[in-house]
């Protein structure tokens, strides 16, 4: 999320259901509500972006293109191998292990 210091802030007027506004007032102190609302909107927009990407990619996976991933066991093995690869970062990329940094 963009920080206040790095982005232009504009005032807006929004309408909220009374019960939602009361919950906001109970949970978030004055002076922090704009940041709280901005963060909530940013999170929701990120979720909407993810949902758009999922909809756009619907149908691109075809089981016949991936016969090696037809069973739960094959999928589990593929995921385990993928996750193991995350633990081995190539030194050629200049990435240091956490122990070295």
N, C-alpha and C. Protein backbone atom coordinates (compact mmCIF):
# COMPACT_ATOMS: atom_id res chain seq x y z
N UNK A 1 0.84 -1.18 0.00
CA UNK A 1 0.00 0.00 0.00
C UNK A 1 0.88 1.24 0.00
N UNK A 2 0.49 2.27 -0.71
CA UNK A 2 1.25 3.51 -0.74
C UNK A 2 1.12 4.21 0.61
N UNK A 3 2.24 4.73 1.07
CA UNK A 3 2.21 5.42 2.36
C UNK A 3 1.72 6.85 2.16
N UNK A 4 1.27 7.46 3.26
CA UNK A 4 0.80 8.84 3.20
C UNK A 4 1.87 9.77 2.66
N UNK A 5 3.12 9.54 3.07
CA UNK A 5 4.20 10.43 2.65
C UNK A 5 4.45 10.34 1.15
N UNK A 6 4.13 9.19 0.53
CA UNK A 6 4.49 9.01 -0.87
C UNK A 6 3.32 9.24 -1.82
N UNK A 7 2.12 9.51 -1.31
CA UNK A 7 1.00 9.71 -2.22
C UNK A 7 0.19 10.92 -1.79
N UNK A 8 -0.45 11.53 -2.75
CA UNK A 8 -1.27 12.69 -2.48
C UNK A 8 -2.56 12.25 -1.77
N UNK A 9 -2.89 12.92 -0.70
CA UNK A 9 -4.09 12.60 0.07
C UNK A 9 -5.21 13.53 -0.36
N UNK A 10 -6.38 12.99 -0.62
CA UNK A 10 -7.55 13.78 -0.95
C UNK A 10 -8.68 13.42 -0.02
N UNK A 11 -9.45 14.40 0.38
CA UNK A 11 -10.62 14.16 1.20
C UNK A 11 -11.77 13.72 0.30
N UNK A 12 -12.54 12.75 0.79
CA UNK A 12 -13.73 12.29 0.07
C UNK A 12 -14.87 12.16 1.07
N UNK A 13 -16.05 12.17 0.56
CA UNK A 13 -17.23 11.95 1.40
C UNK A 13 -17.82 10.61 0.99
N UNK A 14 -18.05 9.76 1.96
CA UNK A 14 -18.66 8.46 1.71
C UNK A 14 -19.83 8.28 2.67
N UNK A 15 -20.76 7.46 2.27
CA UNK A 15 -21.90 7.14 3.13
C UNK A 15 -21.74 5.71 3.60
N UNK A 16 -21.94 5.50 4.90
CA UNK A 16 -21.83 4.17 5.49
C UNK A 16 -23.10 3.86 6.26
N UNK A 17 -23.48 2.60 6.31
CA UNK A 17 -24.59 2.24 7.18
C UNK A 17 -24.25 2.60 8.63
N UNK A 18 -25.24 3.06 9.36
CA UNK A 18 -25.03 3.51 10.74
C UNK A 18 -24.35 2.43 11.59
N UNK A 19 -24.78 1.18 11.45
CA UNK A 19 -24.20 0.11 12.27
C UNK A 19 -22.71 -0.09 11.95
N UNK A 20 -22.35 0.05 10.69
CA UNK A 20 -20.94 -0.09 10.30
C UNK A 20 -20.12 1.07 10.86
N UNK A 21 -20.66 2.26 10.79
CA UNK A 21 -19.96 3.43 11.33
C UNK A 21 -19.76 3.29 12.84
N UNK A 22 -20.76 2.80 13.54
CA UNK A 22 -20.64 2.60 14.99
C UNK A 22 -19.55 1.57 15.30
N UNK A 23 -19.50 0.50 14.53
CA UNK A 23 -18.44 -0.50 14.74
C UNK A 23 -17.07 0.10 14.49
N UNK A 24 -16.96 0.92 13.45
CA UNK A 24 -15.69 1.59 13.15
C UNK A 24 -15.29 2.49 14.31
N UNK A 25 -16.22 3.27 14.82
CA UNK A 25 -15.92 4.18 15.92
C UNK A 25 -15.50 3.43 17.18
N UNK A 26 -16.11 2.27 17.43
CA UNK A 26 -15.77 1.47 18.62
C UNK A 26 -14.37 0.86 18.49
N UNK A 27 -14.01 0.49 17.30
CA UNK A 27 -12.77 -0.26 17.09
C UNK A 27 -11.56 0.63 16.80
N UNK A 28 -11.77 1.73 16.06
CA UNK A 28 -10.65 2.53 15.58
C UNK A 28 -10.71 3.93 16.18
N UNK A 29 -9.65 4.35 16.86
CA UNK A 29 -9.66 5.67 17.48
C UNK A 29 -9.67 6.81 16.46
N UNK A 30 -10.22 7.97 16.86
CA UNK A 30 -10.15 9.14 15.98
C UNK A 30 -8.70 9.42 15.61
N UNK A 31 -8.49 9.91 14.43
CA UNK A 31 -7.13 10.19 13.97
C UNK A 31 -6.51 9.01 13.25
N UNK A 32 -7.10 7.83 13.41
CA UNK A 32 -6.59 6.64 12.72
C UNK A 32 -7.60 6.08 11.73
N UNK A 33 -8.78 6.67 11.68
CA UNK A 33 -9.86 6.10 10.86
C UNK A 33 -9.59 6.23 9.37
N UNK A 34 -9.04 7.35 8.94
CA UNK A 34 -8.77 7.50 7.50
C UNK A 34 -7.77 6.45 7.03
N UNK A 35 -6.72 6.24 7.81
CA UNK A 35 -5.72 5.22 7.45
C UNK A 35 -6.33 3.83 7.46
N UNK A 36 -7.18 3.57 8.45
CA UNK A 36 -7.84 2.28 8.56
C UNK A 36 -8.72 2.03 7.33
N UNK A 37 -9.51 3.03 6.96
CA UNK A 37 -10.39 2.89 5.81
C UNK A 37 -9.57 2.75 4.52
N UNK A 38 -8.52 3.54 4.39
CA UNK A 38 -7.67 3.45 3.20
C UNK A 38 -7.07 2.04 3.07
N UNK A 39 -6.61 1.49 4.18
CA UNK A 39 -6.04 0.15 4.15
C UNK A 39 -7.10 -0.89 3.79
N UNK A 40 -8.30 -0.74 4.35
CA UNK A 40 -9.38 -1.68 4.04
C UNK A 40 -9.76 -1.62 2.57
N UNK A 41 -9.82 -0.42 2.01
CA UNK A 41 -10.14 -0.27 0.59
C UNK A 41 -9.03 -0.88 -0.27
N UNK A 42 -7.78 -0.62 0.12
CA UNK A 42 -6.64 -1.18 -0.63
C UNK A 42 -6.69 -2.71 -0.63
N UNK A 43 -6.98 -3.30 0.52
CA UNK A 43 -7.07 -4.76 0.61
C UNK A 43 -8.21 -5.30 -0.26
N UNK A 44 -9.35 -4.63 -0.23
CA UNK A 44 -10.49 -5.08 -1.03
C UNK A 44 -10.20 -4.96 -2.52
N UNK A 45 -9.54 -3.86 -2.92
CA UNK A 45 -9.19 -3.70 -4.33
C UNK A 45 -8.19 -4.76 -4.78
N UNK A 46 -7.25 -5.12 -3.91
CA UNK A 46 -6.30 -6.19 -4.23
C UNK A 46 -7.04 -7.51 -4.42
N UNK A 47 -8.02 -7.77 -3.57
CA UNK A 47 -8.83 -8.98 -3.70
C UNK A 47 -9.61 -8.96 -5.02
N UNK A 48 -10.18 -7.82 -5.35
CA UNK A 48 -10.91 -7.69 -6.61
C UNK A 48 -9.98 -7.93 -7.80
N UNK A 49 -8.75 -7.42 -7.73
CA UNK A 49 -7.76 -7.66 -8.79
C UNK A 49 -7.47 -9.15 -8.93
N UNK A 50 -7.33 -9.84 -7.79
CA UNK A 50 -7.08 -11.28 -7.83
C UNK A 50 -8.26 -12.02 -8.45
N UNK A 51 -9.47 -11.63 -8.08
CA UNK A 51 -10.66 -12.28 -8.64
C UNK A 51 -10.75 -12.04 -10.15
N UNK A 52 -10.39 -10.83 -10.59
CA UNK A 52 -10.36 -10.55 -12.03
C UNK A 52 -9.37 -11.46 -12.74
N UNK A 53 -8.19 -11.63 -12.14
CA UNK A 53 -7.16 -12.49 -12.75
C UNK A 53 -7.64 -13.93 -12.82
N UNK A 54 -8.32 -14.39 -11.79
CA UNK A 54 -8.85 -15.76 -11.79
C UNK A 54 -9.88 -15.92 -12.91
N UNK A 55 -10.78 -14.95 -13.02
CA UNK A 55 -11.80 -15.02 -14.08
C UNK A 55 -11.17 -14.99 -15.47
N UNK A 56 -10.16 -14.15 -15.65
CA UNK A 56 -9.50 -14.04 -16.95
C UNK A 56 -8.78 -15.33 -17.32
N UNK A 57 -8.28 -16.06 -16.32
CA UNK A 57 -7.52 -17.27 -16.62
C UNK A 57 -8.38 -18.53 -16.60
N UNK A 58 -9.67 -18.38 -16.35
CA UNK A 58 -10.56 -19.54 -16.30
C UNK A 58 -10.50 -20.29 -17.63
N UNK A 59 -10.32 -21.59 -17.54
CA UNK A 59 -10.30 -22.42 -18.72
C UNK A 59 -8.94 -22.61 -19.35
N UNK A 60 -7.91 -21.93 -18.84
CA UNK A 60 -6.59 -22.08 -19.47
C UNK A 60 -5.92 -23.38 -19.07
N UNK A 61 -6.33 -24.00 -17.95
CA UNK A 61 -5.78 -25.28 -17.52
C UNK A 61 -6.63 -26.39 -18.10
N UNK A 62 -6.00 -27.31 -18.77
CA UNK A 62 -6.71 -28.46 -19.30
C UNK A 62 -6.05 -29.72 -18.77
N UNK A 63 -6.84 -30.58 -18.15
CA UNK A 63 -6.29 -31.81 -17.56
C UNK A 63 -5.49 -32.62 -18.56
N UNK A 64 -5.94 -32.67 -19.81
CA UNK A 64 -5.22 -33.47 -20.81
C UNK A 64 -3.82 -32.93 -21.09
N UNK A 65 -3.58 -31.66 -20.78
CA UNK A 65 -2.25 -31.08 -20.97
C UNK A 65 -1.29 -31.42 -19.83
N UNK A 66 -1.83 -31.98 -18.74
CA UNK A 66 -1.02 -32.28 -17.56
C UNK A 66 -1.35 -33.68 -17.02
N UNK A 67 -1.04 -34.71 -17.81
CA UNK A 67 -1.38 -36.08 -17.37
C UNK A 67 -0.60 -36.50 -16.12
N UNK A 68 0.51 -35.80 -15.84
CA UNK A 68 1.31 -36.14 -14.66
C UNK A 68 0.67 -35.63 -13.36
N UNK A 69 -0.43 -34.90 -13.46
CA UNK A 69 -1.08 -34.32 -12.28
C UNK A 69 -2.55 -34.74 -12.20
N UNK A 70 -2.81 -36.00 -12.39
CA UNK A 70 -4.19 -36.46 -12.42
C UNK A 70 -4.71 -36.94 -11.06
N UNK A 71 -3.81 -37.27 -10.15
CA UNK A 71 -4.26 -37.77 -8.84
C UNK A 71 -3.82 -36.81 -7.74
N UNK A 72 -4.47 -36.92 -6.60
CA UNK A 72 -4.08 -36.10 -5.45
C UNK A 72 -2.62 -36.35 -5.07
N UNK A 73 -2.19 -37.60 -5.16
CA UNK A 73 -0.81 -37.94 -4.80
C UNK A 73 0.19 -37.28 -5.75
N UNK A 74 -0.12 -37.28 -7.04
CA UNK A 74 0.77 -36.65 -8.02
C UNK A 74 0.84 -35.13 -7.80
N UNK A 75 -0.29 -34.55 -7.48
CA UNK A 75 -0.32 -33.10 -7.21
C UNK A 75 0.48 -32.79 -5.95
N UNK A 76 0.31 -33.61 -4.89
CA UNK A 76 1.06 -33.42 -3.65
C UNK A 76 2.56 -33.52 -3.90
N UNK A 77 2.97 -34.50 -4.70
CA UNK A 77 4.40 -34.67 -5.00
C UNK A 77 4.93 -33.46 -5.77
N UNK A 78 4.16 -32.98 -6.74
CA UNK A 78 4.58 -31.80 -7.51
C UNK A 78 4.72 -30.58 -6.61
N UNK A 79 3.74 -30.38 -5.71
CA UNK A 79 3.82 -29.25 -4.78
C UNK A 79 5.02 -29.37 -3.84
N UNK A 80 5.28 -30.58 -3.35
CA UNK A 80 6.43 -30.78 -2.46
C UNK A 80 7.73 -30.44 -3.17
N UNK A 81 7.86 -30.86 -4.42
CA UNK A 81 9.07 -30.56 -5.20
C UNK A 81 9.18 -29.06 -5.44
N UNK A 82 8.09 -28.42 -5.77
CA UNK A 82 8.10 -26.97 -5.98
C UNK A 82 8.54 -26.25 -4.71
N UNK A 83 7.99 -26.64 -3.59
CA UNK A 83 8.34 -26.00 -2.32
C UNK A 83 9.79 -26.25 -1.93
N UNK A 84 10.31 -27.43 -2.25
CA UNK A 84 11.73 -27.70 -1.98
C UNK A 84 12.60 -26.75 -2.79
N UNK A 85 12.18 -26.42 -4.00
CA UNK A 85 12.98 -25.53 -4.84
C UNK A 85 13.05 -24.12 -4.25
N UNK A 86 12.08 -23.74 -3.44
CA UNK A 86 12.10 -22.42 -2.81
C UNK A 86 13.20 -22.32 -1.76
N UNK A 87 13.62 -23.45 -1.22
CA UNK A 87 14.64 -23.46 -0.18
C UNK A 87 16.05 -23.39 -0.76
N UNK A 88 16.20 -23.59 -2.04
CA UNK A 88 17.52 -23.59 -2.69
C UNK A 88 17.61 -22.40 -3.63
N UNK A 89 18.15 -21.32 -3.12
CA UNK A 89 18.26 -20.10 -3.93
C UNK A 89 19.61 -20.09 -4.64
N UNK A 90 19.61 -19.89 -5.92
CA UNK A 90 20.87 -19.89 -6.66
C UNK A 90 21.78 -18.75 -6.22
N UNK A 91 23.02 -19.09 -5.92
CA UNK A 91 24.00 -18.07 -5.55
C UNK A 91 24.28 -17.15 -6.73
N UNK A 92 24.10 -17.66 -7.94
CA UNK A 92 24.38 -16.86 -9.13
C UNK A 92 23.47 -15.64 -9.22
N UNK A 93 22.34 -15.67 -8.53
CA UNK A 93 21.44 -14.53 -8.54
C UNK A 93 21.81 -13.51 -7.48
N UNK A 94 22.82 -13.82 -6.69
CA UNK A 94 23.24 -12.88 -5.65
C UNK A 94 22.35 -12.90 -4.43
N UNK A 95 21.57 -13.96 -4.28
CA UNK A 95 20.67 -14.07 -3.14
C UNK A 95 21.39 -14.85 -2.05
N UNK A 96 21.46 -14.28 -0.88
CA UNK A 96 22.13 -14.92 0.24
C UNK A 96 21.13 -15.67 1.10
N UNK A 97 21.56 -16.79 1.65
CA UNK A 97 20.74 -17.48 2.62
C UNK A 97 20.60 -16.60 3.84
N UNK A 98 19.53 -16.80 4.62
CA UNK A 98 19.28 -15.96 5.79
C UNK A 98 20.41 -16.05 6.79
N UNK A 99 21.13 -17.18 6.82
CA UNK A 99 22.25 -17.35 7.75
C UNK A 99 23.43 -16.46 7.36
N UNK A 100 23.53 -16.16 6.05
CA UNK A 100 24.66 -15.37 5.55
C UNK A 100 24.42 -13.88 5.63
N UNK A 101 23.14 -13.47 5.73
CA UNK A 101 22.85 -12.04 5.70
C UNK A 101 22.96 -11.39 7.05
